[in-house]
N, C-alpha and C. Protein backbone atom coordinates (compact mmCIF):
# COMPACT_ATOMS: atom_id res chain seq x y z
N MET A 1 -5.79 22.22 -0.72
CA MET A 1 -5.50 21.30 -1.88
C MET A 1 -6.69 20.38 -2.02
N ALA A 2 -7.42 20.01 -1.12
CA ALA A 2 -8.66 19.29 -1.14
C ALA A 2 -9.66 19.99 -1.94
N TYR A 3 -9.93 21.29 -1.57
CA TYR A 3 -10.82 22.11 -2.36
C TYR A 3 -10.55 22.21 -3.83
N PHE A 4 -9.19 22.45 -4.06
CA PHE A 4 -8.74 22.68 -5.51
C PHE A 4 -9.02 21.23 -6.15
N GLU A 5 -8.73 20.05 -5.62
CA GLU A 5 -8.85 18.74 -6.26
C GLU A 5 -10.34 18.53 -6.58
N ALA A 6 -11.18 18.86 -5.56
CA ALA A 6 -12.57 18.65 -5.63
C ALA A 6 -13.22 19.39 -6.80
N ALA A 7 -12.70 20.72 -6.94
CA ALA A 7 -13.16 21.64 -8.00
C ALA A 7 -12.59 21.07 -9.27
N ALA A 8 -11.31 20.77 -9.48
CA ALA A 8 -10.90 20.25 -10.77
C ALA A 8 -11.80 18.96 -11.15
N VAL A 9 -12.05 18.01 -10.26
CA VAL A 9 -12.85 17.00 -10.52
C VAL A 9 -14.20 17.30 -11.20
N VAL A 10 -14.84 18.28 -10.29
CA VAL A 10 -16.28 18.75 -10.79
C VAL A 10 -16.07 19.39 -12.31
N TYR A 11 -15.01 20.32 -12.55
CA TYR A 11 -14.76 20.86 -13.78
C TYR A 11 -14.65 19.69 -14.93
N LEU A 12 -13.94 18.74 -14.60
CA LEU A 12 -13.62 17.65 -15.52
C LEU A 12 -14.83 16.83 -15.80
N GLN A 13 -15.57 16.49 -14.85
CA GLN A 13 -16.95 15.93 -14.99
C GLN A 13 -17.89 16.63 -15.80
N ARG A 14 -18.04 17.92 -15.65
CA ARG A 14 -18.91 18.84 -16.46
C ARG A 14 -18.37 19.00 -17.87
N ALA A 15 -17.01 19.07 -17.89
CA ALA A 15 -16.40 19.19 -19.49
C ALA A 15 -16.68 17.94 -20.21
N LEU A 16 -16.53 16.80 -19.49
CA LEU A 16 -16.70 15.50 -20.23
C LEU A 16 -18.10 14.93 -20.04
N THR A 17 -18.93 15.55 -19.48
CA THR A 17 -20.26 15.25 -19.39
C THR A 17 -20.53 13.93 -18.70
N ILE A 18 -19.69 13.72 -17.58
CA ILE A 18 -19.79 12.55 -16.70
C ILE A 18 -20.65 12.86 -15.64
N GLN A 19 -21.68 12.10 -15.26
CA GLN A 19 -22.54 12.27 -14.20
C GLN A 19 -21.72 11.70 -12.84
N PRO A 20 -21.78 12.46 -11.78
CA PRO A 20 -20.95 11.96 -10.55
C PRO A 20 -21.54 10.62 -10.16
N ARG A 21 -22.75 10.32 -10.31
CA ARG A 21 -23.45 9.08 -9.86
C ARG A 21 -23.29 8.00 -10.77
N ALA A 22 -22.67 8.22 -11.92
CA ALA A 22 -22.64 7.11 -12.96
C ALA A 22 -21.01 7.15 -13.47
N LEU A 23 -20.34 6.82 -12.57
CA LEU A 23 -18.75 6.72 -12.98
C LEU A 23 -18.52 5.51 -13.78
N PHE A 24 -19.28 4.55 -13.57
CA PHE A 24 -18.91 3.30 -14.31
C PHE A 24 -20.05 2.99 -15.37
N PRO A 25 -19.83 2.28 -16.48
CA PRO A 25 -18.46 1.89 -16.87
C PRO A 25 -17.62 2.89 -17.21
N LEU A 26 -16.25 2.73 -17.05
CA LEU A 26 -15.38 3.87 -17.32
C LEU A 26 -15.21 4.09 -18.81
N LEU A 27 -15.16 5.44 -18.95
CA LEU A 27 -15.09 5.86 -20.44
C LEU A 27 -13.63 5.43 -20.91
N ASN A 28 -13.33 5.04 -22.10
CA ASN A 28 -12.10 4.65 -22.53
C ASN A 28 -11.17 5.93 -22.89
N GLN A 29 -9.98 5.73 -23.13
CA GLN A 29 -9.10 6.78 -23.38
C GLN A 29 -9.45 7.58 -24.80
N THR A 30 -9.93 6.79 -25.60
CA THR A 30 -10.33 7.50 -26.83
C THR A 30 -11.44 8.57 -26.64
N SER A 31 -12.53 7.98 -25.97
CA SER A 31 -13.66 8.82 -25.61
C SER A 31 -13.28 10.12 -24.74
N LEU A 32 -12.33 9.91 -24.03
CA LEU A 32 -11.84 10.98 -23.11
C LEU A 32 -11.06 12.03 -23.79
N GLY A 33 -10.56 11.69 -24.99
CA GLY A 33 -9.73 12.79 -25.80
C GLY A 33 -8.41 12.94 -25.24
N GLY A 34 -8.03 11.68 -24.55
CA GLY A 34 -6.53 11.91 -24.12
C GLY A 34 -6.60 12.33 -22.60
N PHE A 35 -7.75 12.67 -21.99
CA PHE A 35 -7.76 13.29 -20.58
C PHE A 35 -7.46 12.14 -19.53
N GLY A 36 -7.68 10.95 -19.93
CA GLY A 36 -7.29 9.85 -19.00
C GLY A 36 -5.84 9.91 -18.54
N SER A 37 -4.85 10.22 -19.55
CA SER A 37 -3.56 10.28 -19.08
C SER A 37 -3.13 11.49 -18.35
N ILE A 38 -3.90 12.58 -18.52
CA ILE A 38 -3.76 13.91 -17.78
C ILE A 38 -4.33 13.66 -16.35
N GLU A 39 -5.32 12.84 -16.27
CA GLU A 39 -5.85 12.49 -14.87
C GLU A 39 -4.86 11.54 -14.12
N VAL A 40 -4.29 10.66 -14.72
CA VAL A 40 -3.26 9.90 -13.95
C VAL A 40 -2.06 10.91 -13.55
N GLY A 41 -1.66 11.79 -14.40
CA GLY A 41 -0.53 12.72 -14.06
C GLY A 41 -1.02 13.59 -13.01
N ARG A 42 -2.35 14.03 -13.02
CA ARG A 42 -2.86 14.92 -11.83
C ARG A 42 -2.80 14.08 -10.66
N GLU A 43 -3.02 12.84 -10.53
CA GLU A 43 -3.00 12.06 -9.28
C GLU A 43 -1.56 11.87 -8.85
N PHE A 44 -0.80 11.74 -9.82
CA PHE A 44 0.72 11.66 -9.47
C PHE A 44 1.23 12.88 -8.87
N ALA A 45 0.85 13.94 -9.47
CA ALA A 45 1.24 15.40 -8.96
C ALA A 45 0.67 15.62 -7.52
N THR A 46 -0.69 15.08 -7.20
CA THR A 46 -1.13 15.26 -5.92
C THR A 46 -0.19 14.52 -4.71
N LEU A 47 0.13 13.26 -5.21
CA LEU A 47 1.01 12.44 -4.29
C LEU A 47 2.32 13.20 -4.11
N VAL A 48 2.91 13.65 -5.16
CA VAL A 48 4.26 14.65 -4.87
C VAL A 48 4.01 15.77 -4.00
N MET A 49 2.72 16.41 -4.15
CA MET A 49 2.67 17.69 -3.19
C MET A 49 2.51 17.07 -1.79
N LEU A 50 1.75 16.01 -1.50
CA LEU A 50 1.53 15.67 -0.27
C LEU A 50 2.85 15.04 0.39
N VAL A 51 3.59 14.43 -0.38
CA VAL A 51 4.96 13.87 0.23
C VAL A 51 5.86 15.29 0.47
N ALA A 52 5.71 16.30 -0.44
CA ALA A 52 6.48 17.59 -0.29
C ALA A 52 6.00 18.14 1.09
N VAL A 53 4.76 18.21 1.38
CA VAL A 53 4.38 18.85 2.70
C VAL A 53 4.83 18.05 3.85
N GLY A 54 4.85 16.85 3.83
CA GLY A 54 5.39 15.99 4.76
C GLY A 54 7.02 16.20 4.98
N TRP A 55 7.68 16.23 3.86
CA TRP A 55 9.12 16.44 3.73
C TRP A 55 9.48 17.92 4.56
N LEU A 56 8.75 18.90 4.02
CA LEU A 56 9.06 20.19 4.63
C LEU A 56 8.54 20.33 6.21
N ALA A 57 7.62 19.49 6.62
CA ALA A 57 7.16 19.75 7.97
C ALA A 57 7.93 18.91 8.76
N GLY A 58 8.52 17.80 8.47
CA GLY A 58 9.33 17.09 9.38
C GLY A 58 10.77 17.34 9.56
N LYS A 59 11.28 17.04 10.72
CA LYS A 59 12.79 17.26 10.92
C LYS A 59 13.58 16.01 10.85
N SER A 60 12.89 14.98 10.72
CA SER A 60 13.64 13.72 10.42
C SER A 60 12.84 12.93 9.38
N GLY A 61 13.45 11.86 8.98
CA GLY A 61 12.74 10.90 7.96
C GLY A 61 11.43 10.51 8.59
N VAL A 62 11.48 9.89 9.86
CA VAL A 62 10.27 9.43 10.32
C VAL A 62 9.29 10.48 10.54
N GLU A 63 9.55 11.52 11.08
CA GLU A 63 8.60 12.80 11.22
C GLU A 63 8.13 13.09 9.91
N SER A 64 8.93 13.22 8.84
CA SER A 64 8.34 13.56 7.49
C SER A 64 7.43 12.61 7.04
N LEU A 65 7.59 11.31 7.30
CA LEU A 65 6.70 10.28 6.89
C LEU A 65 5.42 10.48 7.73
N ALA A 66 5.44 10.90 8.98
CA ALA A 66 4.19 11.03 9.79
C ALA A 66 3.32 12.13 9.21
N TRP A 67 4.07 13.28 9.07
CA TRP A 67 3.31 14.48 8.49
C TRP A 67 2.71 14.19 7.04
N THR A 68 3.54 13.33 6.18
CA THR A 68 2.79 12.87 4.93
C THR A 68 1.59 12.15 5.16
N ALA A 69 1.61 11.25 6.21
CA ALA A 69 0.35 10.46 6.47
C ALA A 69 -0.74 11.47 6.96
N VAL A 70 -0.49 12.37 7.91
CA VAL A 70 -1.50 13.35 8.30
C VAL A 70 -2.04 14.15 7.04
N ALA A 71 -1.09 14.68 6.23
CA ALA A 71 -1.49 15.36 5.03
C ALA A 71 -2.31 14.67 4.20
N PHE A 72 -2.02 13.44 3.87
CA PHE A 72 -2.79 12.47 3.05
C PHE A 72 -4.14 12.23 3.54
N GLY A 73 -4.25 11.99 4.93
CA GLY A 73 -5.53 11.72 5.50
C GLY A 73 -6.46 12.68 5.48
N VAL A 74 -5.93 14.03 5.79
CA VAL A 74 -6.79 15.22 5.95
C VAL A 74 -7.31 15.60 4.47
N TRP A 75 -6.31 15.54 3.39
CA TRP A 75 -6.72 15.82 2.10
C TRP A 75 -7.88 15.02 1.75
N ASP A 76 -7.73 13.70 1.90
CA ASP A 76 -8.70 12.76 1.46
C ASP A 76 -10.02 12.97 2.01
N ILE A 77 -10.08 13.18 3.37
CA ILE A 77 -11.60 13.44 3.89
C ILE A 77 -12.14 14.81 3.42
N LEU A 78 -11.11 15.74 3.19
CA LEU A 78 -11.69 17.12 2.90
C LEU A 78 -12.14 17.15 1.40
N TYR A 79 -11.44 16.19 0.45
CA TYR A 79 -11.76 16.14 -0.93
C TYR A 79 -13.18 15.67 -0.86
N TYR A 80 -13.66 14.67 -0.20
CA TYR A 80 -14.94 14.20 -0.19
C TYR A 80 -15.95 15.10 0.38
N PHE A 81 -15.52 15.99 1.34
CA PHE A 81 -16.35 17.00 2.02
C PHE A 81 -16.69 18.10 0.96
N TRP A 82 -15.72 18.62 0.20
CA TRP A 82 -15.98 19.55 -0.80
C TRP A 82 -16.68 19.10 -2.04
N LEU A 83 -16.54 17.58 -2.45
CA LEU A 83 -17.36 17.17 -3.46
C LEU A 83 -18.87 17.26 -3.01
N TRP A 84 -19.13 16.92 -1.69
CA TRP A 84 -20.37 16.84 -1.10
C TRP A 84 -20.95 18.36 -1.26
N ILE A 85 -20.14 19.27 -0.80
CA ILE A 85 -20.73 20.80 -0.84
C ILE A 85 -20.99 21.09 -2.26
N PHE A 86 -20.08 20.72 -3.13
CA PHE A 86 -20.19 21.35 -4.56
C PHE A 86 -21.44 20.58 -5.44
N ILE A 87 -21.43 19.27 -5.21
CA ILE A 87 -22.41 18.62 -6.08
C ILE A 87 -23.15 17.61 -5.31
N GLY A 88 -23.22 17.63 -4.04
CA GLY A 88 -24.08 16.62 -3.23
C GLY A 88 -23.63 15.23 -3.45
N TRP A 89 -22.39 14.86 -3.78
CA TRP A 89 -21.83 13.51 -3.93
C TRP A 89 -20.69 13.60 -3.10
N PRO A 90 -20.37 12.47 -2.41
CA PRO A 90 -21.14 11.20 -2.26
C PRO A 90 -22.50 11.47 -1.56
N THR A 91 -23.52 10.62 -1.90
CA THR A 91 -24.82 10.77 -1.29
C THR A 91 -24.91 9.93 -0.01
N SER A 92 -23.91 8.97 0.12
CA SER A 92 -23.67 8.22 1.48
C SER A 92 -22.16 7.64 1.44
N PHE A 93 -21.89 7.16 2.64
CA PHE A 93 -20.66 6.79 2.93
C PHE A 93 -20.58 5.28 2.08
N GLY A 94 -21.66 4.77 1.57
CA GLY A 94 -21.65 3.56 0.74
C GLY A 94 -21.44 3.84 -0.69
N SER A 95 -21.45 5.13 -1.14
CA SER A 95 -21.29 5.45 -2.46
C SER A 95 -20.10 4.74 -3.15
N THR A 96 -20.03 4.11 -4.27
CA THR A 96 -18.95 3.49 -4.85
C THR A 96 -18.07 4.70 -5.59
N ASP A 97 -16.79 4.68 -5.41
CA ASP A 97 -15.90 5.79 -5.98
C ASP A 97 -14.88 5.05 -6.82
N LEU A 98 -14.36 5.83 -7.88
CA LEU A 98 -13.07 5.44 -8.48
C LEU A 98 -12.18 6.13 -7.72
N LEU A 99 -11.25 5.41 -6.89
CA LEU A 99 -10.41 6.07 -5.94
C LEU A 99 -9.12 6.42 -6.37
N PHE A 100 -8.60 5.73 -7.50
CA PHE A 100 -7.14 6.07 -7.95
C PHE A 100 -7.10 5.22 -9.28
N LEU A 101 -6.14 5.61 -10.17
CA LEU A 101 -5.91 5.09 -11.33
C LEU A 101 -4.50 4.53 -11.62
N LEU A 102 -3.59 4.61 -10.58
CA LEU A 102 -2.47 4.17 -10.65
C LEU A 102 -2.04 3.01 -9.98
N PRO A 103 -1.49 1.81 -10.41
CA PRO A 103 -1.35 1.59 -11.77
C PRO A 103 -2.48 1.12 -12.47
N VAL A 104 -3.56 0.63 -11.74
CA VAL A 104 -4.83 0.19 -12.25
C VAL A 104 -5.98 0.95 -11.55
N PRO A 105 -7.21 0.83 -12.00
CA PRO A 105 -8.30 1.54 -11.07
C PRO A 105 -8.49 0.69 -9.76
N TRP A 106 -8.45 1.73 -8.82
CA TRP A 106 -8.98 1.31 -7.43
C TRP A 106 -10.41 1.86 -7.27
N VAL A 107 -11.28 0.88 -6.81
CA VAL A 107 -12.70 1.18 -6.60
C VAL A 107 -13.05 0.73 -5.28
N GLY A 108 -13.92 1.44 -4.61
CA GLY A 108 -14.53 0.96 -3.26
C GLY A 108 -15.51 2.02 -2.83
N PRO A 109 -16.25 1.63 -1.73
CA PRO A 109 -17.17 2.66 -1.20
C PRO A 109 -16.44 3.81 -0.41
N VAL A 110 -16.94 4.87 -0.32
CA VAL A 110 -16.33 6.01 0.24
C VAL A 110 -15.90 5.87 1.67
N TRP A 111 -16.68 4.85 2.29
CA TRP A 111 -16.16 4.70 3.82
C TRP A 111 -14.86 4.02 3.99
N ALA A 112 -14.34 3.32 2.92
CA ALA A 112 -13.05 2.59 2.91
C ALA A 112 -11.94 3.68 3.01
N PRO A 113 -11.81 4.42 2.19
CA PRO A 113 -10.66 5.34 2.01
C PRO A 113 -10.79 6.33 3.30
N MET A 114 -12.08 6.57 3.79
CA MET A 114 -12.20 7.38 4.97
C MET A 114 -11.45 6.58 6.17
N VAL A 115 -11.75 5.30 6.25
CA VAL A 115 -11.13 4.59 7.49
C VAL A 115 -9.64 4.61 7.39
N VAL A 116 -9.16 4.44 6.11
CA VAL A 116 -7.72 4.42 5.93
C VAL A 116 -7.13 5.85 6.30
N SER A 117 -7.85 7.06 5.81
CA SER A 117 -7.50 8.36 6.21
C SER A 117 -7.35 8.73 7.65
N LEU A 118 -8.44 8.08 8.44
CA LEU A 118 -8.44 8.40 9.97
C LEU A 118 -7.32 7.64 10.48
N ALA A 119 -6.87 6.43 10.12
CA ALA A 119 -5.90 5.74 10.62
C ALA A 119 -4.57 6.45 10.40
N LEU A 120 -4.43 6.93 9.16
CA LEU A 120 -3.15 7.80 8.88
C LEU A 120 -3.14 9.04 9.56
N ILE A 121 -4.19 9.80 9.97
CA ILE A 121 -4.27 10.95 10.67
C ILE A 121 -3.80 10.56 12.13
N PHE A 122 -4.54 9.64 12.62
CA PHE A 122 -4.05 9.26 14.12
C PHE A 122 -2.75 8.83 14.17
N PHE A 123 -2.26 7.88 13.55
CA PHE A 123 -0.96 7.31 13.76
C PHE A 123 0.12 8.19 13.38
N GLY A 124 -0.26 9.10 12.24
CA GLY A 124 0.66 10.11 11.84
C GLY A 124 0.93 11.13 13.06
N LEU A 125 -0.15 11.66 13.59
CA LEU A 125 -0.16 12.57 14.63
C LEU A 125 0.67 12.09 15.96
N VAL A 126 0.28 10.87 16.16
CA VAL A 126 1.00 10.20 17.44
C VAL A 126 2.49 10.10 17.14
N LEU A 127 2.94 9.75 15.91
CA LEU A 127 4.33 9.48 15.60
C LEU A 127 5.05 11.00 15.47
N ALA A 128 4.34 11.92 14.85
CA ALA A 128 4.91 13.36 14.89
C ALA A 128 5.13 13.87 16.23
N ARG A 129 4.26 13.56 17.18
CA ARG A 129 4.29 14.16 18.50
C ARG A 129 5.54 13.60 19.22
N ARG A 130 5.63 12.20 19.04
CA ARG A 130 6.77 11.53 19.67
C ARG A 130 8.07 12.02 19.14
N SER A 131 8.14 12.20 17.79
CA SER A 131 9.33 12.47 17.12
C SER A 131 9.69 13.90 17.60
N ARG A 132 8.64 14.88 17.75
CA ARG A 132 8.98 16.35 18.24
C ARG A 132 9.47 16.25 19.74
N ALA A 133 9.05 15.30 20.47
CA ALA A 133 9.53 15.30 21.71
C ALA A 133 11.01 14.77 21.82
N ASP A 134 11.61 14.66 20.65
CA ASP A 134 12.94 14.10 20.60
C ASP A 134 13.26 12.70 21.03
N GLU A 135 11.98 11.89 20.84
CA GLU A 135 12.23 10.48 21.20
C GLU A 135 13.01 9.86 20.01
N VAL A 136 13.87 8.88 20.33
CA VAL A 136 14.56 8.11 19.21
C VAL A 136 13.59 7.07 18.76
N ILE A 137 13.19 7.13 17.53
CA ILE A 137 12.24 6.09 17.08
C ILE A 137 12.83 5.19 15.93
N VAL A 138 13.15 4.02 16.43
CA VAL A 138 13.62 3.09 15.43
C VAL A 138 12.76 2.07 14.96
N VAL A 139 12.66 1.92 13.81
CA VAL A 139 11.71 0.91 13.08
C VAL A 139 12.32 -0.16 12.54
N ALA A 140 11.94 -1.20 13.12
CA ALA A 140 12.48 -2.55 12.78
C ALA A 140 12.05 -2.95 11.35
N VAL A 141 12.87 -3.69 10.71
CA VAL A 141 12.76 -4.30 9.36
C VAL A 141 11.14 -5.07 9.45
N ARG A 142 11.05 -5.84 10.31
CA ARG A 142 9.69 -6.50 10.46
C ARG A 142 8.63 -5.53 10.48
N THR A 143 8.71 -4.49 11.28
CA THR A 143 7.52 -3.51 11.41
C THR A 143 7.25 -2.91 9.99
N TRP A 144 8.44 -2.70 9.28
CA TRP A 144 8.22 -2.14 7.89
C TRP A 144 7.42 -3.13 7.05
N GLY A 145 7.99 -4.35 7.21
CA GLY A 145 7.18 -5.53 6.44
C GLY A 145 5.65 -5.59 6.84
N PHE A 146 5.29 -5.29 8.11
CA PHE A 146 3.83 -5.28 8.33
C PHE A 146 3.05 -4.12 7.76
N LEU A 147 3.77 -2.97 7.70
CA LEU A 147 3.09 -1.76 7.10
C LEU A 147 2.97 -2.11 5.59
N PHE A 148 3.97 -2.47 4.91
CA PHE A 148 3.95 -2.71 3.64
C PHE A 148 2.85 -3.70 3.22
N LEU A 149 3.06 -4.90 4.01
CA LEU A 149 2.15 -6.02 3.69
C LEU A 149 0.62 -5.47 3.90
N GLY A 150 0.30 -4.77 4.91
CA GLY A 150 -1.00 -4.18 5.31
C GLY A 150 -1.45 -3.33 4.19
N GLY A 151 -0.45 -2.55 3.79
CA GLY A 151 -1.03 -1.45 2.58
C GLY A 151 -1.19 -2.26 1.44
N LEU A 152 -0.45 -3.19 0.97
CA LEU A 152 -0.55 -4.02 -0.12
C LEU A 152 -1.89 -4.74 -0.17
N VAL A 153 -2.31 -5.29 0.96
CA VAL A 153 -3.48 -5.94 1.05
C VAL A 153 -4.65 -5.15 0.96
N VAL A 154 -4.69 -3.80 1.45
CA VAL A 154 -5.62 -2.85 1.30
C VAL A 154 -5.91 -2.42 -0.11
N ILE A 155 -4.67 -2.21 -0.90
CA ILE A 155 -4.81 -1.85 -2.22
C ILE A 155 -5.34 -2.98 -3.07
N LEU A 156 -5.06 -4.25 -2.69
CA LEU A 156 -5.60 -5.35 -3.39
C LEU A 156 -7.23 -5.41 -3.37
N SER A 157 -7.69 -4.92 -2.03
CA SER A 157 -9.02 -5.03 -2.02
C SER A 157 -9.61 -3.91 -2.93
N PHE A 158 -9.07 -2.83 -3.09
CA PHE A 158 -9.47 -1.88 -3.95
C PHE A 158 -9.39 -2.13 -5.42
N ALA A 159 -8.32 -2.82 -5.76
CA ALA A 159 -8.09 -3.13 -7.07
C ALA A 159 -8.53 -4.55 -7.64
N HIS A 160 -9.07 -5.27 -6.86
CA HIS A 160 -9.55 -6.79 -7.29
C HIS A 160 -10.43 -6.79 -8.38
N ASP A 161 -11.15 -5.66 -8.63
CA ASP A 161 -11.85 -5.69 -9.92
C ASP A 161 -11.43 -4.96 -11.11
N ALA A 162 -10.25 -4.59 -11.01
CA ALA A 162 -9.55 -3.77 -12.04
C ALA A 162 -9.66 -4.22 -13.38
N LYS A 163 -9.44 -5.64 -13.62
CA LYS A 163 -9.54 -6.24 -15.04
C LYS A 163 -10.99 -5.96 -15.53
N GLN A 164 -11.95 -6.28 -14.70
CA GLN A 164 -13.45 -6.13 -15.15
C GLN A 164 -13.63 -4.86 -15.38
N ILE A 165 -13.16 -3.86 -14.61
CA ILE A 165 -13.34 -2.38 -14.80
C ILE A 165 -12.65 -1.86 -16.07
N LEU A 166 -11.55 -2.26 -16.24
CA LEU A 166 -10.76 -1.84 -17.47
C LEU A 166 -11.49 -2.44 -18.69
N GLY A 167 -12.17 -3.52 -18.66
CA GLY A 167 -12.76 -4.18 -19.80
C GLY A 167 -14.14 -3.51 -19.96
N GLY A 168 -14.52 -2.39 -19.31
CA GLY A 168 -15.78 -1.83 -19.50
C GLY A 168 -17.09 -2.31 -18.58
N GLY A 169 -16.61 -3.11 -17.55
CA GLY A 169 -17.48 -3.75 -16.71
C GLY A 169 -17.80 -2.69 -15.46
N MET A 170 -18.75 -3.28 -14.80
CA MET A 170 -19.16 -2.47 -13.46
C MET A 170 -18.29 -3.14 -12.30
N PRO A 171 -18.15 -2.40 -11.26
CA PRO A 171 -17.42 -2.92 -10.17
C PRO A 171 -18.30 -3.96 -9.46
N GLY A 172 -17.72 -4.93 -8.76
CA GLY A 172 -18.50 -6.02 -8.17
C GLY A 172 -18.63 -5.53 -6.65
N ARG A 173 -19.01 -6.52 -5.84
CA ARG A 173 -19.20 -6.08 -4.47
C ARG A 173 -17.73 -5.96 -3.72
N PHE A 174 -17.58 -4.84 -2.97
CA PHE A 174 -16.38 -4.57 -2.47
C PHE A 174 -15.89 -5.81 -1.43
N ALA A 175 -14.55 -5.96 -1.64
CA ALA A 175 -13.94 -7.06 -0.95
C ALA A 175 -13.51 -6.69 0.45
N TRP A 176 -14.51 -6.33 1.21
CA TRP A 176 -14.21 -5.80 2.71
C TRP A 176 -13.58 -6.68 3.46
N PRO A 177 -13.63 -8.18 3.38
CA PRO A 177 -12.79 -8.86 4.39
C PRO A 177 -11.43 -8.80 3.99
N ILE A 178 -11.00 -8.61 2.64
CA ILE A 178 -9.58 -8.42 2.45
C ILE A 178 -9.14 -7.05 2.83
N PHE A 179 -10.10 -5.94 2.76
CA PHE A 179 -9.83 -4.82 3.27
C PHE A 179 -9.47 -4.79 4.84
N ALA A 180 -10.40 -5.40 5.47
CA ALA A 180 -10.22 -5.58 7.04
C ALA A 180 -9.05 -6.24 7.28
N LEU A 181 -8.62 -7.26 6.61
CA LEU A 181 -7.45 -7.97 6.98
C LEU A 181 -6.20 -6.97 6.80
N GLY A 182 -6.17 -6.31 5.66
CA GLY A 182 -5.14 -5.28 5.40
C GLY A 182 -5.07 -4.34 6.38
N MET A 183 -6.21 -3.71 6.73
CA MET A 183 -6.12 -2.64 7.89
C MET A 183 -5.65 -3.30 9.10
N ALA A 184 -6.16 -4.36 9.35
CA ALA A 184 -5.59 -5.08 10.67
C ALA A 184 -4.17 -5.25 10.76
N ILE A 185 -3.43 -5.65 9.61
CA ILE A 185 -2.12 -5.94 9.52
C ILE A 185 -1.23 -4.45 9.56
N ALA A 186 -1.84 -3.43 8.82
CA ALA A 186 -1.26 -2.19 8.75
C ALA A 186 -1.28 -1.53 10.21
N VAL A 187 -2.51 -1.64 10.91
CA VAL A 187 -2.70 -0.99 12.23
C VAL A 187 -1.65 -1.66 13.32
N TYR A 188 -1.57 -2.94 13.11
CA TYR A 188 -0.61 -3.56 13.87
C TYR A 188 0.76 -3.09 13.81
N GLY A 189 1.15 -2.84 12.56
CA GLY A 189 2.54 -2.48 12.31
C GLY A 189 2.80 -1.00 12.79
N ALA A 190 1.74 -0.15 12.53
CA ALA A 190 1.84 1.25 12.94
C ALA A 190 1.70 1.19 14.60
N SER A 191 1.03 0.36 15.19
CA SER A 191 1.04 0.42 16.58
C SER A 191 2.47 -0.01 17.20
N ARG A 192 3.02 -0.93 16.42
CA ARG A 192 4.36 -1.19 16.98
C ARG A 192 5.37 -0.06 16.94
N ILE A 193 5.14 0.94 16.17
CA ILE A 193 5.90 2.12 16.13
C ILE A 193 5.49 3.20 17.13
N THR A 194 4.21 3.46 17.07
CA THR A 194 3.60 4.63 17.72
C THR A 194 3.38 4.40 19.25
N LEU A 195 2.89 3.11 19.56
CA LEU A 195 2.61 2.79 20.82
C LEU A 195 3.76 2.31 21.81
N ARG A 196 4.85 2.01 21.20
CA ARG A 196 5.92 1.34 21.81
C ARG A 196 6.85 2.33 22.62
N LYS A 197 7.16 2.31 23.71
CA LYS A 197 7.95 3.33 24.54
C LYS A 197 9.43 3.02 24.37
């Protein structure tokens, strides 16, 4: 799936004459000839496929969630790997990328989604292993709150420049302190599930 998605991005960039090193300012919907809405649909379809993989792999709701996290993390890392193989981009972990378009543009350096992906893979595998060992895993409402809040703060760090970007501007400096806070909250929540006996 990561290979397929990277190839689709390369084809779209070539068809729309977008240089991978010049993602910003964003082209508007009119200049994209309606491809912007297709791209949003492609992103949504990718999420559906990743959730389907987790759902099929898991024997319980918690295990399905764990495998979805693993699938998402592996897909995201391999996506960047294949882009680098195909077009030599990203040129570094600090390269700024347009990460997502739902519901607004998410922007950040490549290292940030890689950190998220590594955390998803680690905690997903630990949780899946515990679930497969027939451990009863109960997730408290408070723990769900930590996971949700941490994820929301991470998303805010990616989307904090959305208004500027949608207005045709360039992304500003990445809000890494907000990102770090969100990751800390999410990792704490995930640790409460995966490391508790």
